[in-house]
Structures are given as structure tokens and as C-alpha cells.
């Protein structure tokens, strides 16, 4: 049901724009007219992109996010691992995910 526009619109409205994804097609959604504070969100779909952009979103990119590879890379770098080594580790981990 959530895939139907009218159901999704109700979902977005019920969350007072909290549930509004950053899609260009939704930058004029009626929820943005319900509160003046939401005016800043009107261009959100133009400014922000999904994970993995410019490539299309995918389950593999989401798995990279859910595996905390990038936060773990930063944690390694700030706790003594040389930066190049931390980046190389993250690169290897992401390539494993992308390979399947």
C-alpha cells in the first residue's frame, strides 16, 4: 500500500514533513505549505542525493551504510591507524560488498 501515491502522501502529511524524502519530484509537496519553517526544505531534493550518487541507489550501497564501514574507517583513523591504511581498509571492505 505504501507504494500508492495517495497512501504515501498521507504518510508524509502525518509526519509533518519528517517522513518527506529528499526527492526532486517531492520538493513541492503540500506538506511544505503547512508550516513556514518547512520553506527551507523546498530545495532539499535538488541539494541532496541518495547514497552512492551519481550511481543509482542499490542494496549493496545500503549494505555499506548498514555495515558502518565509513564510521569505522574514521574511528580507525582517529585512534592511531594511519589515514592511508584506514582508507585502504574501507576501500577493501566496500569492494567486498560490491562484489557480492
PDB file of N, CA and C in Angstrom:
ATOM      1  N   UNK A   1       0.799  -1.210   0.000  1.00  0.00           N
ATOM      2  CA  UNK A   1       0.000   0.000   0.000  1.00  0.00           C
ATOM      3  C   UNK A   1       0.839   1.270   0.000  1.00  0.00           C
ATOM      4  N   UNK A   2       2.013   1.233   0.639  1.00  0.00           N
ATOM      5  CA  UNK A   2       2.823   2.440   0.737  1.00  0.00           C
ATOM      6  C   UNK A   2       3.291   2.918  -0.635  1.00  0.00           C
ATOM      7  N   UNK A   3       3.285   2.034  -1.624  1.00  0.00           N
ATOM      8  CA  UNK A   3       3.686   2.405  -2.968  1.00  0.00           C
ATOM      9  C   UNK A   3       2.660   3.246  -3.703  1.00  0.00           C
ATOM     10  N   UNK A   4       1.453   3.342  -3.194  1.00  0.00           N
ATOM     11  CA  UNK A   4       0.418   4.156  -3.834  1.00  0.00           C
ATOM     12  C   UNK A   4       0.597   5.607  -3.415  1.00  0.00           C
ATOM     13  N   UNK A   5       0.503   6.504  -4.399  1.00  0.00           N
ATOM     14  CA  UNK A   5       0.756   7.923  -4.139  1.00  0.00           C
ATOM     15  C   UNK A   5      -0.118   8.478  -3.025  1.00  0.00           C
ATOM     16  N   UNK A   6      -1.400   8.177  -3.047  1.00  0.00           N
ATOM     17  CA  UNK A   6      -2.287   8.746  -2.030  1.00  0.00           C
ATOM     18  C   UNK A   6      -1.954   8.238  -0.620  1.00  0.00           C
ATOM     19  N   UNK A   7      -1.526   6.998  -0.518  1.00  0.00           N
ATOM     20  CA  UNK A   7      -1.140   6.441   0.782  1.00  0.00           C
ATOM     21  C   UNK A   7       0.167   7.084   1.247  1.00  0.00           C
ATOM     22  N   UNK A   8       1.107   7.230   0.322  1.00  0.00           N
ATOM     23  CA  UNK A   8       2.394   7.831   0.675  1.00  0.00           C
ATOM     24  C   UNK A   8       2.221   9.297   1.055  1.00  0.00           C
ATOM     25  N   UNK A   9       1.339  10.000   0.337  1.00  0.00           N
ATOM     26  CA  UNK A   9       1.066  11.397   0.684  1.00  0.00           C
ATOM     27  C   UNK A   9       0.525  11.510   2.107  1.00  0.00           C
ATOM     28  N   UNK A  10      -0.381  10.619   2.472  1.00  0.00           N
ATOM     29  CA  UNK A  10      -0.937  10.625   3.827  1.00  0.00           C
ATOM     30  C   UNK A  10       0.165  10.339   4.858  1.00  0.00           C
ATOM     31  N   UNK A  11       1.051   9.426   4.516  1.00  0.00           N
ATOM     32  CA  UNK A  11       2.187   9.084   5.383  1.00  0.00           C
ATOM     33  C   UNK A  11       3.069  10.317   5.613  1.00  0.00           C
ATOM     34  N   UNK A  12       3.367  11.043   4.546  1.00  0.00           N
ATOM     35  CA  UNK A  12       4.196  12.247   4.650  1.00  0.00           C
ATOM     36  C   UNK A  12       3.485  13.315   5.473  1.00  0.00           C
ATOM     37  N   UNK A  13       2.202  13.527   5.201  1.00  0.00           N
ATOM     38  CA  UNK A  13       1.433  14.542   5.927  1.00  0.00           C
ATOM     39  C   UNK A  13       1.345  14.200   7.417  1.00  0.00           C
ATOM     40  N   UNK A  14       1.178  12.931   7.741  1.00  0.00           N
ATOM     41  CA  UNK A  14       1.020  12.537   9.145  1.00  0.00           C
ATOM     42  C   UNK A  14       2.288  12.776   9.955  1.00  0.00           C
ATOM     43  N   UNK A  15       3.425  12.827   9.294  1.00  0.00           N
ATOM     44  CA  UNK A  15       4.692  13.042   9.989  1.00  0.00           C
ATOM     45  C   UNK A  15       5.160  14.481   9.972  1.00  0.00           C
ATOM     46  N   UNK A  16       4.296  15.408   9.537  1.00  0.00           N
ATOM     47  CA  UNK A  16       4.674  16.832   9.482  1.00  0.00           C
ATOM     48  C   UNK A  16       6.015  17.039   8.784  1.00  0.00           C
ATOM     49  N   UNK A  17       6.181  16.441   7.640  1.00  0.00           N
ATOM     50  CA  UNK A  17       7.365  16.567   6.778  1.00  0.00           C
ATOM     51  C   UNK A  17       8.559  15.750   7.257  1.00  0.00           C
ATOM     52  N   UNK A  18       8.479  15.135   8.443  1.00  0.00           N
ATOM     53  CA  UNK A  18       9.586  14.303   8.908  1.00  0.00           C
ATOM     54  C   UNK A  18       9.805  13.131   7.956  1.00  0.00           C
ATOM     55  N   UNK A  19       8.728  12.611   7.387  1.00  0.00           N
ATOM     56  CA  UNK A  19       8.790  11.446   6.502  1.00  0.00           C
ATOM     57  C   UNK A  19       8.956  11.831   5.034  1.00  0.00           C
ATOM     58  N   UNK A  20       9.267  13.072   4.752  1.00  0.00           N
ATOM     59  CA  UNK A  20       9.400  13.534   3.373  1.00  0.00           C
ATOM     60  C   UNK A  20      10.797  13.214   2.857  1.00  0.00           C
ATOM     61  N   UNK A  21      10.906  12.308   1.877  1.00  0.00           N
ATOM     62  CA  UNK A  21      12.237  12.002   1.338  1.00  0.00           C
ATOM     63  C   UNK A  21      12.765  13.159   0.491  1.00  0.00           C
ATOM     64  N   UNK A  22      14.060  13.223   0.330  1.00  0.00           N
ATOM     65  CA  UNK A  22      14.695  14.314  -0.418  1.00  0.00           C
ATOM     66  C   UNK A  22      14.703  14.005  -1.907  1.00  0.00           C
ATOM     67  N   UNK A  23      13.517  13.936  -2.496  1.00  0.00           N
ATOM     68  CA  UNK A  23      13.386  13.678  -3.928  1.00  0.00           C
ATOM     69  C   UNK A  23      12.988  14.969  -4.625  1.00  0.00           C
ATOM     70  N   UNK A  24      13.592  15.249  -5.758  1.00  0.00           N
ATOM     71  CA  UNK A  24      13.271  16.448  -6.515  1.00  0.00           C
ATOM     72  C   UNK A  24      11.784  16.513  -6.830  1.00  0.00           C
ATOM     73  N   UNK A  25      11.172  15.386  -7.162  1.00  0.00           N
ATOM     74  CA  UNK A  25       9.749  15.373  -7.521  1.00  0.00           C
ATOM     75  C   UNK A  25       8.840  15.748  -6.352  1.00  0.00           C
ATOM     76  N   UNK A  26       9.347  15.684  -5.136  1.00  0.00           N
ATOM     77  CA  UNK A  26       8.524  15.986  -3.963  1.00  0.00           C
ATOM     78  C   UNK A  26       8.835  17.351  -3.350  1.00  0.00           C
ATOM     79  N   UNK A  27       9.639  18.165  -4.023  1.00  0.00           N
ATOM     80  CA  UNK A  27      10.012  19.448  -3.431  1.00  0.00           C
ATOM     81  C   UNK A  27       8.857  20.439  -3.366  1.00  0.00           C
ATOM     82  N   UNK A  28       7.742  20.150  -4.028  1.00  0.00           N
ATOM     83  CA  UNK A  28       6.550  20.995  -3.937  1.00  0.00           C
ATOM     84  C   UNK A  28       5.411  20.269  -3.238  1.00  0.00           C
ATOM     85  N   UNK A  29       5.729  19.298  -2.408  1.00  0.00           N
ATOM     86  CA  UNK A  29       4.695  18.521  -1.713  1.00  0.00           C
ATOM     87  C   UNK A  29       3.861  19.448  -0.822  1.00  0.00           C
ATOM     88  N   UNK A  30       2.549  19.223  -0.739  1.00  0.00           N
ATOM     89  CA  UNK A  30       1.664  20.071   0.076  1.00  0.00           C
ATOM     90  C   UNK A  30       2.086  20.199   1.541  1.00  0.00           C
ATOM     91  N   UNK A  31       2.766  19.212   2.090  1.00  0.00           N
ATOM     92  CA  UNK A  31       3.182  19.295   3.497  1.00  0.00           C
ATOM     93  C   UNK A  31       4.105  20.490   3.741  1.00  0.00           C
ATOM     94  N   UNK A  32       4.836  20.907   2.719  1.00  0.00           N
ATOM     95  CA  UNK A  32       5.769  22.019   2.876  1.00  0.00           C
ATOM     96  C   UNK A  32       5.060  23.361   3.028  1.00  0.00           C
ATOM     97  N   UNK A  33       3.762  23.382   2.736  1.00  0.00           N
ATOM     98  CA  UNK A  33       2.978  24.611   2.886  1.00  0.00           C
ATOM     99  C   UNK A  33       2.271  24.674   4.236  1.00  0.00           C
ATOM    100  N   UNK A  34       2.415  23.650   5.062  1.00  0.00           N
ATOM    101  CA  UNK A  34       1.692  23.594   6.333  1.00  0.00           C
ATOM    102  C   UNK A  34       2.378  24.352   7.460  1.00  0.00           C
ATOM    103  N   UNK A  35       3.642  24.704   7.281  1.00  0.00           N
ATOM    104  CA  UNK A  35       4.376  25.409   8.336  1.00  0.00           C
ATOM    105  C   UNK A  35       5.479  26.234   7.674  1.00  0.00           C
ATOM    106  N   UNK A  36       5.597  27.514   8.015  1.00  0.00           N
ATOM    107  CA  UNK A  36       6.637  28.355   7.399  1.00  0.00           C
ATOM    108  C   UNK A  36       8.055  27.816   7.610  1.00  0.00           C
ATOM    109  N   UNK A  37       8.273  27.063   8.686  1.00  0.00           N
ATOM    110  CA  UNK A  37       9.610  26.508   8.951  1.00  0.00           C
ATOM    111  C   UNK A  37      10.040  25.517   7.872  1.00  0.00           C
ATOM    112  N   UNK A  38       9.063  24.943   7.166  1.00  0.00           N
ATOM    113  CA  UNK A  38       9.388  23.943   6.148  1.00  0.00           C
ATOM    114  C   UNK A  38       9.867  24.558   4.836  1.00  0.00           C
ATOM    115  N   UNK A  39       9.850  25.881   4.727  1.00  0.00           N
ATOM    116  CA  UNK A  39      10.258  26.545   3.483  1.00  0.00           C
ATOM    117  C   UNK A  39      11.684  26.163   3.087  1.00  0.00           C
ATOM    118  N   UNK A  40      12.546  25.968   4.062  1.00  0.00           N
ATOM    119  CA  UNK A  40      13.945  25.612   3.778  1.00  0.00           C
ATOM    120  C   UNK A  40      14.071  24.233   3.150  1.00  0.00           C
ATOM    121  N   UNK A  41      13.062  23.400   3.303  1.00  0.00           N
ATOM    122  CA  UNK A  41      13.116  22.040   2.761  1.00  0.00           C
ATOM    123  C   UNK A  41      12.729  21.974   1.291  1.00  0.00           C
ATOM    124  N   UNK A  42      12.218  23.069   0.740  1.00  0.00           N
ATOM    125  CA  UNK A  42      11.718  23.036  -0.637  1.00  0.00           C
ATOM    126  C   UNK A  42      12.785  22.650  -1.655  1.00  0.00           C
ATOM    127  N   UNK A  43      14.000  23.030  -1.442  1.00  0.00           N
ATOM    128  CA  UNK A  43      15.066  22.719  -2.400  1.00  0.00           C
ATOM    129  C   UNK A  43      15.891  21.516  -1.979  1.00  0.00           C
ATOM    130  N   UNK A  44      15.451  20.805  -0.955  1.00  0.00           N
ATOM    131  CA  UNK A  44      16.221  19.676  -0.442  1.00  0.00           C
ATOM    132  C   UNK A  44      16.489  18.631  -1.523  1.00  0.00           C
ATOM    133  N   UNK A  45      15.521  18.357  -2.374  1.00  0.00           N
ATOM    134  CA  UNK A  45      15.684  17.360  -3.423  1.00  0.00           C
ATOM    135  C   UNK A  45      16.724  17.737  -4.459  1.00  0.00           C
ATOM    136  N   UNK A  46      16.988  19.021  -4.592  1.00  0.00           N
ATOM    137  CA  UNK A  46      17.997  19.496  -5.536  1.00  0.00           C
ATOM    138  C   UNK A  46      19.382  19.452  -4.895  1.00  0.00           C
ATOM    139  N   UNK A  47      19.445  19.703  -3.587  1.00  0.00           N
ATOM    140  CA  UNK A  47      20.723  19.819  -2.890  1.00  0.00           C
ATOM    141  C   UNK A  47      21.324  18.489  -2.462  1.00  0.00           C
ATOM    142  N   UNK A  48      20.482  17.524  -2.151  1.00  0.00           N
ATOM    143  CA  UNK A  48      20.964  16.277  -1.567  1.00  0.00           C
ATOM    144  C   UNK A  48      20.737  15.093  -2.492  1.00  0.00           C
ATOM    145  N   UNK A  49      21.490  14.038  -2.282  1.00  0.00           N
ATOM    146  CA  UNK A  49      21.417  12.856  -3.129  1.00  0.00           C
ATOM    147  C   UNK A  49      21.377  11.601  -2.272  1.00  0.00           C
ATOM    148  N   UNK A  50      20.924  10.515  -2.878  1.00  0.00           N
ATOM    149  CA  UNK A  50      20.920   9.221  -2.196  1.00  0.00           C
ATOM    150  C   UNK A  50      22.354   8.706  -2.078  1.00  0.00           C
ATOM    151  N   UNK A  51      22.556   7.762  -1.162  1.00  0.00           N
ATOM    152  CA  UNK A  51      23.863   7.125  -1.023  1.00  0.00           C
ATOM    153  C   UNK A  51      24.313   6.578  -2.372  1.00  0.00           C
ATOM    154  N   UNK A  52      25.583   6.686  -2.643  1.00  0.00           N
ATOM    155  CA  UNK A  52      26.131   6.119  -3.861  1.00  0.00           C
ATOM    156  C   UNK A  52      26.021   7.004  -5.083  1.00  0.00           C
ATOM    157  N   UNK A  53      25.395   8.166  -4.944  1.00  0.00           N
ATOM    158  CA  UNK A  53      25.229   9.072  -6.078  1.00  0.00           C
ATOM    159  C   UNK A  53      26.582   9.400  -6.679  1.00  0.00           C
ATOM    160  N   UNK A  54      26.734   9.460  -7.965  1.00  0.00           N
ATOM    161  CA  UNK A  54      25.727   9.561  -9.008  1.00  0.00           C
ATOM    162  C   UNK A  54      25.188   8.223  -9.513  1.00  0.00           C
ATOM    163  N   UNK A  55      25.674   7.129  -8.974  1.00  0.00           N
ATOM    164  CA  UNK A  55      25.102   5.828  -9.354  1.00  0.00           C
ATOM    165  C   UNK A  55      23.708   5.703  -8.733  1.00  0.00           C
ATOM    166  N   UNK A  56      22.856   4.874  -9.316  1.00  0.00           N
ATOM    167  CA  UNK A  56      21.531   4.690  -8.724  1.00  0.00           C
ATOM    168  C   UNK A  56      21.630   3.990  -7.370  1.00  0.00           C
ATOM    169  N   UNK A  57      20.659   4.246  -6.514  1.00  0.00           N
ATOM    170  CA  UNK A  57      20.621   3.591  -5.208  1.00  0.00           C
ATOM    171  C   UNK A  57      20.559   2.078  -5.398  1.00  0.00           C
ATOM    172  N   UNK A  58      21.164   1.335  -4.472  1.00  0.00           N
ATOM    173  CA  UNK A  58      21.148  -0.122  -4.585  1.00  0.00           C
ATOM    174  C   UNK A  58      21.240  -0.753  -3.202  1.00  0.00           C
ATOM    175  N   UNK A  59      20.919  -2.027  -3.141  1.00  0.00           N
ATOM    176  CA  UNK A  59      21.013  -2.750  -1.874  1.00  0.00           C
ATOM    177  C   UNK A  59      22.461  -2.844  -1.401  1.00  0.00           C
ATOM    178  N   UNK A  60      23.404  -2.900  -2.329  1.00  0.00           N
ATOM    179  CA  UNK A  60      24.815  -3.003  -1.945  1.00  0.00           C
ATOM    180  C   UNK A  60      25.305  -1.715  -1.292  1.00  0.00           C
ATOM    181  N   UNK A  61      24.892  -0.588  -1.831  1.00  0.00           N
ATOM    182  CA  UNK A  61      25.272   0.690  -1.228  1.00  0.00           C
ATOM    183  C   UNK A  61      24.654   0.799   0.161  1.00  0.00           C
ATOM    184  N   UNK A  62      23.417   0.345   0.307  1.00  0.00           N
ATOM    185  CA  UNK A  62      22.773   0.369   1.621  1.00  0.00           C
ATOM    186  C   UNK A  62      23.493  -0.559   2.593  1.00  0.00           C
ATOM    187  N   UNK A  63      23.988  -1.694   2.103  1.00  0.00           N
ATOM    188  CA  UNK A  63      24.728  -2.620   2.960  1.00  0.00           C
ATOM    189  C   UNK A  63      26.031  -1.988   3.458  1.00  0.00           C
ATOM    190  N   UNK A  64      26.673  -1.203   2.616  1.00  0.00           N
ATOM    191  CA  UNK A  64      27.880  -0.482   3.038  1.00  0.00           C
ATOM    192  C   UNK A  64      27.534   0.453   4.194  1.00  0.00           C
ATOM    193  N   UNK A  65      26.412   1.142   4.070  1.00  0.00           N
ATOM    194  CA  UNK A  65      25.965   2.039   5.141  1.00  0.00           C
ATOM    195  C   UNK A  65      25.655   1.257   6.404  1.00  0.00           C
ATOM    196  N   UNK A  66      24.887   0.186   6.264  1.00  0.00           N
ATOM    197  CA  UNK A  66      24.461  -0.606   7.423  1.00  0.00           C
ATOM    198  C   UNK A  66      25.615  -1.341   8.095  1.00  0.00           C
ATOM    199  N   UNK A  67      26.717  -1.520   7.387  1.00  0.00           N
ATOM    200  CA  UNK A  67      27.891  -2.199   7.942  1.00  0.00           C
ATOM    201  C   UNK A  67      28.836  -1.234   8.658  1.00  0.00           C
ATOM    202  N   UNK A  68      28.501   0.040   8.657  1.00  0.00           N
ATOM    203  CA  UNK A  68      29.294   1.070   9.347  1.00  0.00           C
ATOM    204  C   UNK A  68      30.740   1.127   8.858  1.00  0.00           C
ATOM    205  N   UNK A  69      30.945   0.863   7.579  1.00  0.00           N
ATOM    206  CA  UNK A  69      32.310   0.871   7.049  1.00  0.00           C
ATOM    207  C   UNK A  69      32.931   2.266   7.154  1.00  0.00           C
ATOM    208  N   UNK A  70      32.210   3.290   6.732  1.00  0.00           N
ATOM    209  CA  UNK A  70      32.790   4.638   6.774  1.00  0.00           C
ATOM    210  C   UNK A  70      33.000   5.138   8.206  1.00  0.00           C
ATOM    211  N   UNK A  71      32.026   4.982   9.124  1.00  0.00           N
ATOM    212  CA  UNK A  71      32.310   5.382  10.509  1.00  0.00           C
ATOM    213  C   UNK A  71      33.472   4.597  11.117  1.00  0.00           C
ATOM    214  N   UNK A  72      33.573   3.318  10.792  1.00  0.00           N
ATOM    215  CA  UNK A  72      34.686   2.519  11.314  1.00  0.00           C
ATOM    216  C   UNK A  72      36.021   2.974  10.733  1.00  0.00           C
ATOM    217  N   UNK A  73      36.009   3.405   9.475  1.00  0.00           N
ATOM    218  CA  UNK A  73      37.226   3.936   8.867  1.00  0.00           C
ATOM    219  C   UNK A  73      37.686   5.178   9.632  1.00  0.00           C
ATOM    220  N   UNK A  74      36.745   6.068   9.924  1.00  0.00           N
ATOM    221  CA  UNK A  74      37.080   7.281  10.671  1.00  0.00           C
ATOM    222  C   UNK A  74      37.570   6.920  12.073  1.00  0.00           C
ATOM    223  N   UNK A  75      36.903   5.966  12.715  1.00  0.00           N
ATOM    224  CA  UNK A  75      37.321   5.535  14.053  1.00  0.00           C
ATOM    225  C   UNK A  75      38.748   5.006  14.028  1.00  0.00           C
ATOM    226  N   UNK A  76      39.074   4.238  12.997  1.00  0.00           N
ATOM    227  CA  UNK A  76      40.441   3.731  12.872  1.00  0.00           C
ATOM    228  C   UNK A  76      41.428   4.894  12.739  1.00  0.00           C
ATOM    229  N   UNK A  77      41.069   5.859  11.886  1.00  0.00           N
ATOM    230  CA  UNK A  77      41.977   6.977  11.619  1.00  0.00           C
ATOM    231  C   UNK A  77      42.212   7.846  12.850  1.00  0.00           C
ATOM    232  N   UNK A  78      41.201   8.014  13.685  1.00  0.00           N
ATOM    233  CA  UNK A  78      41.372   8.893  14.851  1.00  0.00           C
ATOM    234  C   UNK A  78      41.894   8.162  16.081  1.00  0.00           C
ATOM    235  N   UNK A  79      42.051   6.845  15.970  1.00  0.00           N
ATOM    236  CA  UNK A  79      42.571   6.096  17.124  1.00  0.00           C
ATOM    237  C   UNK A  79      43.938   5.482  16.851  1.00  0.00           C
ATOM    238  N   UNK A  80      44.639   6.028  15.865  1.00  0.00           N
ATOM    239  CA  UNK A  80      46.018   5.622  15.681  1.00  0.00           C
ATOM    240  C   UNK A  80      46.363   4.924  14.380  1.00  0.00           C
ATOM    241  N   UNK A  81      45.382   4.390  13.681  1.00  0.00           N
ATOM    242  CA  UNK A  81      45.679   3.765  12.389  1.00  0.00           C
ATOM    243  C   UNK A  81      46.055   4.871  11.404  1.00  0.00           C
ATOM    244  N   UNK A  82      47.150   4.714  10.670  1.00  0.00           N
ATOM    245  CA  UNK A  82      47.487   5.729   9.667  1.00  0.00           C
ATOM    246  C   UNK A  82      46.319   5.935   8.690  1.00  0.00           C
ATOM    247  N   UNK A  83      46.096   7.176   8.308  1.00  0.00           N
ATOM    248  CA  UNK A  83      44.948   7.517   7.469  1.00  0.00           C
ATOM    249  C   UNK A  83      44.910   6.696   6.188  1.00  0.00           C
ATOM    250  N   UNK A  84      46.038   6.583   5.505  1.00  0.00           N
ATOM    251  CA  UNK A  84      46.062   5.815   4.250  1.00  0.00           C
ATOM    252  C   UNK A  84      45.680   4.360   4.487  1.00  0.00           C
ATOM    253  N   UNK A  85      46.095   3.818   5.611  1.00  0.00           N
ATOM    254  CA  UNK A  85      45.758   2.433   5.944  1.00  0.00           C
ATOM    255  C   UNK A  85      44.261   2.292   6.244  1.00  0.00           C
ATOM    256  N   UNK A  86      43.698   3.262   6.947  1.00  0.00           N
ATOM    257  CA  UNK A  86      42.262   3.235   7.255  1.00  0.00           C
ATOM    258  C   UNK A  86      41.436   3.336   5.978  1.00  0.00           C
ATOM    259  N   UNK A  87      41.852   4.205   5.069  1.00  0.00           N
ATOM    260  CA  UNK A  87      41.144   4.361   3.792  1.00  0.00           C
ATOM    261  C   UNK A  87      41.275   3.088   2.965  1.00  0.00           C
ATOM    262  N   UNK A  88      42.450   2.491   2.947  1.00  0.00           N
ATOM    263  CA  UNK A  88      42.656   1.241   2.204  1.00  0.00           C
ATOM    264  C   UNK A  88      41.780   0.130   2.776  1.00  0.00           C
ATOM    265  N   UNK A  89      41.648   0.073   4.105  1.00  0.00           N
ATOM    266  CA  UNK A  89      40.777  -0.925   4.740  1.00  0.00           C
ATOM    267  C   UNK A  89      39.336  -0.730   4.284  1.00  0.00           C
ATOM    268  N   UNK A  90      38.857   0.522   4.325  1.00  0.00           N
ATOM    269  CA  UNK A  90      37.477   0.807   3.921  1.00  0.00           C
ATOM    270  C   UNK A  90      37.262   0.478   2.448  1.00  0.00           C
ATOM    271  N   UNK A  91      38.243   0.805   1.624  1.00  0.00           N
ATOM    272  CA  UNK A  91      38.152   0.506   0.194  1.00  0.00           C
ATOM    273  C   UNK A  91      38.008  -0.998  -0.025  1.00  0.00           C
ATOM    274  N   UNK A  92      38.815  -1.779   0.677  1.00  0.00           N
ATOM    275  CA  UNK A  92      38.761  -3.240   0.561  1.00  0.00           C
ATOM    276  C   UNK A  92      37.396  -3.769   1.023  1.00  0.00           C
ATOM    277  N   UNK A  93      36.893  -3.244   2.143  1.00  0.00           N
ATOM    278  CA  UNK A  93      35.601  -3.692   2.674  1.00  0.00           C
ATOM    279  C   UNK A  93      34.457  -3.355   1.715  1.00  0.00           C
ATOM    280  N   UNK A  94      34.490  -2.154   1.147  1.00  0.00           N
ATOM    281  CA  UNK A  94      33.432  -1.762   0.205  1.00  0.00           C
ATOM    282  C   UNK A  94      33.497  -2.591  -1.072  1.00  0.00           C
ATOM    283  N   UNK A  95      34.692  -2.884  -1.534  1.00  0.00           N
ATOM    284  CA  UNK A  95      34.829  -3.715  -2.736  1.00  0.00           C
ATOM    285  C   UNK A  95      34.300  -5.121  -2.492  1.00  0.00           C
ATOM    286  N   UNK A  96      34.471  -5.638  -1.270  1.00  0.00           N
ATOM    287  CA  UNK A  96      33.910  -6.955  -0.931  1.00  0.00           C
ATOM    288  C   UNK A  96      32.387  -6.925  -1.029  1.00  0.00           C
ATOM    289  N   UNK A  97      31.796  -5.877  -0.495  1.00  0.00           N
ATOM    290  CA  UNK A  97      30.334  -5.747  -0.549  1.00  0.00           C
ATOM    291  C   UNK A  97      29.868  -5.642  -1.996  1.00  0.00           C
ATOM    292  N   UNK A  98      30.529  -4.802  -2.779  1.00  0.00           N
ATOM    293  CA  UNK A  98      30.105  -4.583  -4.169  1.00  0.00           C
ATOM    294  C   UNK A  98      30.289  -5.837  -5.022  1.00  0.00           C
ATOM    295  N   UNK A  99      31.263  -6.670  -4.666  1.00  0.00           N
ATOM    296  CA  UNK A  99      31.496  -7.907  -5.422  1.00  0.00           C
ATOM    297  C   UNK A  99      30.413  -8.946  -5.136  1.00  0.00           C
ATOM    298  N   UNK A 100      29.720  -8.753  -4.036  1.00  0.00           N
ATOM    299  CA  UNK A 100      28.611  -9.666  -3.736  1.00  0.00           C
ATOM    300  C   UNK A 100      28.957 -10.640  -2.697  1.00  0.00           C
TER     301      UNK A 100
END
